[in-house]
Amino acid sequence: MSFPGAGPPPEGVVPNLEHPQDVLKSCNYVTQALTLVFVSIFVATRFYAKSKVFMVGYCITACVAGTYGGGLNQWEVRKEHAPIFFRSGYAATIFYAPMALTVKLALLSIIIRVFGSVHKKTMIGIYIFIGMLVAYYVSGFFIKIFVCWPISAYWKGETDKCLDQSAIITADAIISFVSDLAILLLPTPLTWSLHLSRRKRLRVIGILCAGGVATAFSIYRLAMILHEGKSANQTIVFTKVILSGNAEAGIGLICACLPSISALLVRRKGYPYYGNQSHSTHAEFSRGEIMMTRSFHVETGKVAKEAQPDVYDLGHDEAGLVAGGQANPKSSLSSRRRSGSTG
């Protein structure tokens, strides 16, 4: 039985190719625009260039997919548009693997730089976790490239020449959920073991755990794929997958920039300690003080001396992770007075 659109309509539904129902098409365009705008604003203060490039490519392919049927019911998509839609979807799956990997590595690298000198044994586990992520996403990248052979079978609908794409997307959703959950939970016990006030601990946890908010979208994508993965209305299902990928990677990339945003806010507030210490050769931290510098590590000793570059040179790796009250100017002043009196 023939039908006018790219797919058979449900029983009793009459396709309207001239004025198709806008299910997710407008939502797709708005999401891509907002993702590009907000991610660009945050990345302007912290250059995670590779993640940004993959994100832009992902958004462009999503916009192309939207132009050729993404967000519309498949039975209201013109037949000649369907191959272009699936070709764009193929490109989006290629972009997703390196985009998701670089965003997760950016978030995990912040945790490593902050706690690496304090929780060395835990860092070994994190490095193993990173190795597993790299192995999965690199292998998944090549699997997605050659998911069909010939590759053109992907957008020609020759499913007998392709691997089980639903299983691949499900595996992606499971890995994303597990890794996002780990990023969400990992900083909490690490931060709570430090000698910090409760307010400072919560602030550090809030900054470092923010990237784990993407877990909610990972859960949504996993549930959606399990429920709708075999649906014949693939122009809607695939658009939902793309939008959840936008949310997951976009939130993660923005959160990877939060330490630099925190540093910028501290500078705007004009805390005198940072301005006075930015060009000194040594800095003194009392027990329990935490700060992100060029090496992004935590100092928890009674007194730690280290050369400090300008913590607000946001073109580099300097950033104040915990602002306001984390450093005590009085203790530094009293230390200098004591050293002067003994000398």
Protein backbone atom coordinates (compact mmCIF):
# COMPACT_ATOMS: atom_id res chain seq x y z
CA MET A 1 0.00 0.00 0.00
CA SER A 2 1.42 3.37 -1.01
CA PHE A 3 1.37 6.49 1.16
CA PRO A 4 2.33 10.10 0.36
CA GLY A 5 4.83 10.69 3.18
CA ALA A 6 8.15 9.17 4.20
CA GLY A 7 6.39 6.69 6.48
CA PRO A 8 2.98 5.07 6.90
CA PRO A 9 0.52 7.13 9.00
CA PRO A 10 -1.39 5.63 11.93
CA GLU A 11 -4.81 4.27 11.15
CA GLY A 12 -7.33 7.07 10.68
CA VAL A 13 -4.70 9.82 10.27
CA VAL A 14 -4.63 11.75 6.99
CA PRO A 15 -1.16 13.20 6.28
CA ASN A 16 -0.95 16.87 5.33
CA LEU A 17 2.34 17.45 3.53
CA GLU A 18 1.58 21.10 2.81
CA HIS A 19 0.85 22.01 6.44
CA PRO A 20 2.30 19.22 8.62
CA GLN A 21 1.79 19.19 12.37
CA ASP A 22 4.69 20.88 14.18
CA VAL A 23 5.44 18.32 16.91
CA LEU A 24 9.05 19.20 17.78
CA LYS A 25 10.33 21.18 14.80
CA SER A 26 10.08 24.64 16.39
CA CYS A 27 11.34 23.25 19.69
CA ASN A 28 14.37 21.87 17.87
CA TYR A 29 15.24 25.22 16.29
CA VAL A 30 14.78 27.12 19.56
CA THR A 31 16.91 24.57 21.43
CA GLN A 32 19.78 24.82 18.93
CA ALA A 33 19.70 28.63 19.04
CA LEU A 34 19.64 28.78 22.85
CA THR A 35 22.37 26.14 23.12
CA LEU A 36 24.70 28.06 20.81
CA VAL A 37 24.03 31.40 22.53
CA PHE A 38 24.35 30.30 26.16
CA VAL A 39 27.24 27.91 25.63
CA SER A 40 29.11 30.61 23.69
CA ILE A 41 28.64 33.10 26.53
CA PHE A 42 30.08 30.74 29.12
CA VAL A 43 32.87 29.43 26.94
CA ALA A 44 33.93 33.03 26.30
CA THR A 45 35.35 33.02 29.83
CA ARG A 46 36.91 29.58 29.65
CA PHE A 47 38.29 28.10 26.46
CA TYR A 48 37.25 24.47 26.15
CA ALA A 49 37.73 24.79 22.41
CA LYS A 50 37.39 21.15 21.36
CA SER A 51 34.12 20.66 23.21
CA LYS A 52 32.75 23.89 21.75
CA VAL A 53 33.64 22.88 18.17
CA PHE A 54 31.87 19.53 18.51
CA MET A 55 28.86 21.23 20.10
CA VAL A 56 28.57 23.72 17.22
CA GLY A 57 28.80 20.89 14.67
CA TYR A 58 26.14 18.94 16.56
CA CYS A 59 23.79 21.95 16.59
CA ILE A 60 24.30 22.60 12.87
CA THR A 61 23.44 19.01 11.95
CA ALA A 62 20.37 19.24 14.20
CA CYS A 63 19.22 22.38 12.38
CA VAL A 64 19.66 20.66 9.01
CA ALA A 65 17.70 17.67 10.31
CA GLY A 66 14.94 20.05 11.41
CA THR A 67 14.79 21.58 7.94
CA TYR A 68 14.14 18.19 6.38
CA GLY A 69 11.56 16.71 8.71
CA GLY A 70 13.05 16.67 12.21
CA GLY A 71 10.29 17.32 14.74
CA LEU A 72 7.51 16.39 12.31
CA ASN A 73 5.59 13.14 12.21
CA GLN A 74 7.29 10.92 9.66
CA TRP A 75 4.09 10.41 7.67
CA GLU A 76 3.98 14.17 7.06
CA VAL A 77 7.57 14.39 5.80
CA ARG A 78 8.09 14.39 2.04
CA LYS A 79 9.70 11.22 0.74
CA GLU A 80 12.50 13.15 -0.96
CA HIS A 81 13.33 14.84 2.38
CA ALA A 82 13.67 11.62 4.37
CA PRO A 83 17.16 10.65 3.07
CA ILE A 84 18.50 14.14 3.88
CA PHE A 85 17.02 13.95 7.38
CA PHE A 86 18.64 10.59 8.07
CA ARG A 87 21.91 11.79 6.56
CA SER A 88 21.85 14.69 9.05
CA GLY A 89 20.98 12.25 11.81
CA TYR A 90 23.97 10.14 10.83
CA ALA A 91 26.22 13.22 11.10
CA ALA A 92 24.73 14.05 14.52
CA THR A 93 25.59 10.59 15.85
CA ILE A 94 29.18 11.06 14.63
CA PHE A 95 29.46 14.43 16.41
CA TYR A 96 27.88 13.13 19.61
CA ALA A 97 30.66 10.72 20.62
CA PRO A 98 33.60 13.19 20.69
CA MET A 99 31.34 15.97 22.00
CA ALA A 100 30.13 13.91 24.97
CA LEU A 101 33.62 12.58 25.68
CA THR A 102 35.36 15.97 25.70
CA VAL A 103 32.68 17.50 27.94
CA LYS A 104 32.97 14.66 30.46
CA LEU A 105 36.78 14.87 30.37
CA ALA A 106 36.56 18.62 31.00
CA LEU A 107 34.42 18.05 34.10
CA LEU A 108 36.58 15.19 35.40
CA SER A 109 39.80 17.14 34.79
CA ILE A 110 38.53 19.90 37.09
CA ILE A 111 37.95 17.33 39.85
CA ILE A 112 41.43 15.89 39.28
CA ARG A 113 43.10 19.30 39.37
CA VAL A 114 41.28 20.30 42.53
CA PHE A 115 41.75 17.11 44.55
CA GLY A 116 44.73 15.45 42.86
CA SER A 117 47.26 16.41 45.53
CA VAL A 118 44.98 15.36 48.40
CA HIS A 119 43.15 12.19 47.33
CA LYS A 120 45.85 10.44 45.31
CA LYS A 121 44.38 6.94 45.67
CA THR A 122 40.98 8.14 44.55
CA MET A 123 42.62 9.78 41.55
CA ILE A 124 43.81 6.35 40.37
CA GLY A 125 40.19 5.21 40.23
CA ILE A 126 39.21 8.37 38.34
CA TYR A 127 41.96 7.79 35.78
CA ILE A 128 40.74 4.22 35.30
CA PHE A 129 37.21 5.58 34.84
CA ILE A 130 38.52 8.07 32.26
CA GLY A 131 40.31 5.26 30.44
CA MET A 132 37.06 3.29 30.25
CA LEU A 133 35.19 6.34 28.92
CA VAL A 134 37.84 6.99 26.28
CA ALA A 135 37.83 3.32 25.23
CA TYR A 136 34.03 3.28 24.94
CA TYR A 137 33.58 6.55 23.06
CA VAL A 138 36.51 5.98 20.70
CA SER A 139 35.27 2.49 19.80
CA GLY A 140 31.71 3.81 19.62
CA PHE A 141 32.84 6.57 17.29
CA PHE A 142 34.09 4.07 14.72
CA ILE A 143 31.10 1.78 15.22
CA LYS A 144 28.79 4.70 14.40
CA ILE A 145 30.81 5.62 11.33
CA PHE A 146 30.50 2.09 9.95
CA VAL A 147 27.11 1.26 11.46
CA CYS A 148 25.93 0.48 7.93
CA TRP A 149 27.85 -0.91 4.99
CA PRO A 150 27.81 0.68 2.59
CA ILE A 151 27.43 3.80 4.72
CA SER A 152 24.75 5.17 2.39
CA ALA A 153 22.48 2.34 3.55
CA TYR A 154 21.91 4.40 6.72
CA TRP A 155 19.89 7.09 4.96
CA LYS A 156 18.52 4.84 2.23
CA GLY A 157 16.66 2.80 4.83
CA GLU A 158 18.39 -0.49 4.01
CA THR A 159 18.22 -1.81 7.55
CA ASP A 160 19.40 -5.29 6.58
CA LYS A 161 22.83 -3.78 5.87
CA CYS A 162 23.07 -2.02 9.26
CA LEU A 163 23.76 -2.93 12.86
CA ASP A 164 21.00 -2.60 15.45
CA GLN A 165 20.93 1.20 15.79
CA SER A 166 18.45 1.08 18.66
CA ALA A 167 20.90 -1.03 20.69
CA ILE A 168 23.73 1.42 19.97
CA ILE A 169 21.68 4.42 21.10
CA THR A 170 20.55 2.49 24.20
CA ALA A 171 24.18 1.70 25.07
CA ASP A 172 25.04 5.40 24.66
CA ALA A 173 22.20 6.35 26.99
CA ILE A 174 23.31 3.86 29.66
CA ILE A 175 26.95 5.00 29.54
CA SER A 176 25.87 8.66 29.68
CA PHE A 177 23.66 7.97 32.70
CA VAL A 178 26.41 6.12 34.60
CA SER A 179 29.13 8.67 33.81
CA ASP A 180 26.91 11.68 34.56
CA LEU A 181 25.86 10.10 37.85
CA ALA A 182 29.52 9.54 38.76
CA ILE A 183 30.35 13.18 37.98
CA LEU A 184 27.37 14.24 40.10
CA LEU A 185 28.27 12.14 43.16
CA LEU A 186 32.09 12.04 43.08
CA PRO A 187 32.91 15.54 44.42
CA THR A 188 30.68 15.18 47.50
CA PRO A 189 32.77 12.71 49.58
CA LEU A 190 36.02 14.26 48.33
CA THR A 191 35.01 17.75 49.42
CA TRP A 192 33.44 16.63 52.71
CA SER A 193 36.74 15.12 53.83
CA LEU A 194 38.47 18.52 53.68
CA HIS A 195 38.86 20.83 56.68
CA LEU A 196 36.40 23.43 55.45
CA SER A 197 33.39 25.13 56.93
CA ARG A 198 30.03 23.72 55.89
CA ARG A 199 29.28 26.78 53.76
CA LYS A 200 32.55 26.42 51.85
CA ARG A 201 32.02 22.70 51.39
CA LEU A 202 28.56 23.22 49.96
CA ARG A 203 29.88 25.89 47.63
CA VAL A 204 32.64 23.66 46.29
CA ILE A 205 30.23 20.73 45.95
CA GLY A 206 27.74 22.94 44.13
CA ILE A 207 30.32 24.08 41.58
CA LEU A 208 31.86 20.67 40.99
CA CYS A 209 28.61 18.68 41.00
CA ALA A 210 26.74 21.04 38.69
CA GLY A 211 27.75 19.07 35.61
CA GLY A 212 25.95 16.04 36.99
CA VAL A 213 22.63 17.83 36.47
CA ALA A 214 22.82 16.36 32.97
CA THR A 215 22.00 13.03 34.65
CA ALA A 216 18.31 13.95 34.49
CA PHE A 217 18.45 14.20 30.70
CA SER A 218 20.42 10.96 30.49
CA ILE A 219 17.65 9.23 32.45
CA TYR A 220 15.02 10.78 30.17
CA ARG A 221 16.84 9.65 27.03
CA LEU A 222 17.29 6.12 28.35
CA ALA A 223 13.61 5.82 29.31
CA MET A 224 12.49 7.34 26.01
CA ILE A 225 14.63 4.96 23.94
CA LEU A 226 13.43 1.92 25.86
CA HIS A 227 9.83 3.02 25.35
CA GLU A 228 9.90 4.47 21.82
CA GLY A 229 13.11 3.10 20.28
CA LYS A 230 11.28 0.70 17.95
CA SER A 231 8.69 3.28 16.88
CA ALA A 232 8.17 3.79 13.14
CA ASN A 233 7.96 7.55 13.73
CA GLN A 234 11.75 7.98 13.65
CA THR A 235 11.72 11.68 12.76
CA ILE A 236 10.22 12.34 16.21
CA VAL A 237 12.27 9.76 18.13
CA PHE A 238 15.55 10.91 16.63
CA THR A 239 14.73 14.56 17.30
CA LYS A 240 14.11 13.71 20.96
CA VAL A 241 17.51 11.98 21.07
CA ILE A 242 19.16 15.06 19.55
CA LEU A 243 17.46 17.45 21.99
CA SER A 244 18.45 15.36 25.02
CA GLY A 245 22.02 15.36 23.68
CA ASN A 246 21.84 19.15 23.48
CA ALA A 247 20.79 19.36 27.10
CA GLU A 248 23.36 16.87 28.37
CA ALA A 249 26.39 18.29 26.58
CA GLY A 250 25.31 21.93 26.80
CA ILE A 251 24.80 21.79 30.57
CA GLY A 252 28.06 19.92 31.01
CA LEU A 253 30.03 22.43 28.96
CA ILE A 254 28.53 25.39 30.80
CA CYS A 255 29.29 23.76 34.16
CA ALA A 256 32.88 23.13 33.08
CA CYS A 257 33.18 26.90 32.82
CA LEU A 258 31.72 27.63 36.29
CA PRO A 259 35.08 27.81 38.14
CA SER A 260 36.16 30.62 35.82
CA ILE A 261 32.78 32.32 36.21
CA SER A 262 33.25 32.08 39.99
CA ALA A 263 36.68 33.70 39.66
CA LEU A 264 35.23 36.49 37.55
CA LEU A 265 32.51 37.17 40.13
CA VAL A 266 35.09 37.27 42.91
CA ARG A 267 37.09 39.81 40.99
CA ARG A 268 33.99 41.91 40.37
CA LYS A 269 33.29 41.91 44.11
CA GLY A 270 36.81 43.20 44.67
CA TYR A 271 38.09 41.01 47.49
CA PRO A 272 41.32 42.74 48.58
CA TYR A 273 43.21 39.54 49.29
CA TYR A 274 43.36 38.46 45.67
CA GLY A 275 44.32 41.85 44.35
CA ASN A 276 47.15 42.19 46.85
CA GLN A 277 48.45 38.68 46.38
CA SER A 278 48.16 38.27 42.63
CA HIS A 279 51.71 39.40 41.88
CA SER A 280 53.45 38.17 45.02
CA THR A 281 55.91 35.30 44.84
CA HIS A 282 54.40 33.35 47.72
CA ALA A 283 50.95 32.90 49.24
CA GLU A 284 50.04 31.58 52.64
CA PHE A 285 46.90 29.57 53.28
CA SER A 286 45.57 28.63 56.69
CA ARG A 287 44.27 25.15 57.42
CA GLY A 288 41.16 24.32 55.47
CA GLU A 289 41.54 26.97 52.78
CA ILE A 290 40.89 25.90 49.22
CA MET A 291 41.75 27.65 46.03
CA MET A 292 42.08 26.86 42.35
CA THR A 293 45.27 28.20 40.81
CA ARG A 294 47.14 27.39 37.63
CA SER A 295 47.55 23.82 38.87
CA PHE A 296 43.94 23.63 40.18
CA HIS A 297 44.87 21.81 43.38
CA VAL A 298 43.75 21.86 46.98
CA GLU A 299 46.00 22.83 49.85
CA THR A 300 44.92 21.47 53.23
CA GLY A 301 48.09 21.82 55.30
CA LYS A 302 48.55 24.37 58.06
CA VAL A 303 50.70 26.56 55.83
CA ALA A 304 51.34 25.99 52.13
CA LYS A 305 53.63 28.17 50.12
CA GLU A 306 53.41 28.26 46.37
CA ALA A 307 54.13 30.76 43.65
CA GLN A 308 50.82 32.33 42.64
CA PRO A 309 50.16 33.78 39.20
CA ASP A 310 47.27 36.17 38.70
CA VAL A 311 44.22 34.12 39.60
CA TYR A 312 42.09 36.23 37.29
CA ASP A 313 44.04 35.71 34.11
CA LEU A 314 41.11 33.83 32.62
CA GLY A 315 42.94 33.13 29.41
CA HIS A 316 44.95 30.55 31.36
CA ASP A 317 43.98 28.01 33.99
CA GLU A 318 43.74 30.39 36.94
CA ALA A 319 40.40 30.56 38.69
CA GLY A 320 39.22 31.15 42.23
CA LEU A 321 37.03 28.17 43.01
CA VAL A 322 35.90 29.29 46.42
CA ALA A 323 35.46 32.99 46.84
CA GLY A 324 34.98 35.29 49.76
CA GLY A 325 36.32 34.46 53.17
CA GLN A 326 38.33 31.44 52.10
CA ALA A 327 41.54 33.30 52.73
CA ASN A 328 42.12 35.20 55.93
CA PRO A 329 44.11 38.40 55.45
CA LYS A 330 44.50 38.74 59.21
CA SER A 331 46.27 35.41 59.52
CA SER A 332 48.67 36.40 56.75
CA LEU A 333 49.27 39.77 58.42
CA SER A 334 49.84 38.21 61.83
CA SER A 335 52.23 35.70 60.28
CA ARG A 336 54.27 38.49 58.75
CA ARG A 337 54.32 40.36 62.06
CA ARG A 338 55.51 37.27 63.91
CA SER A 339 58.25 36.66 61.38
CA GLY A 340 59.27 40.33 61.63
CA SER A 341 59.43 40.25 65.43
CA THR A 342 61.51 37.09 65.50
CA GLY A 343 63.87 38.53 62.91
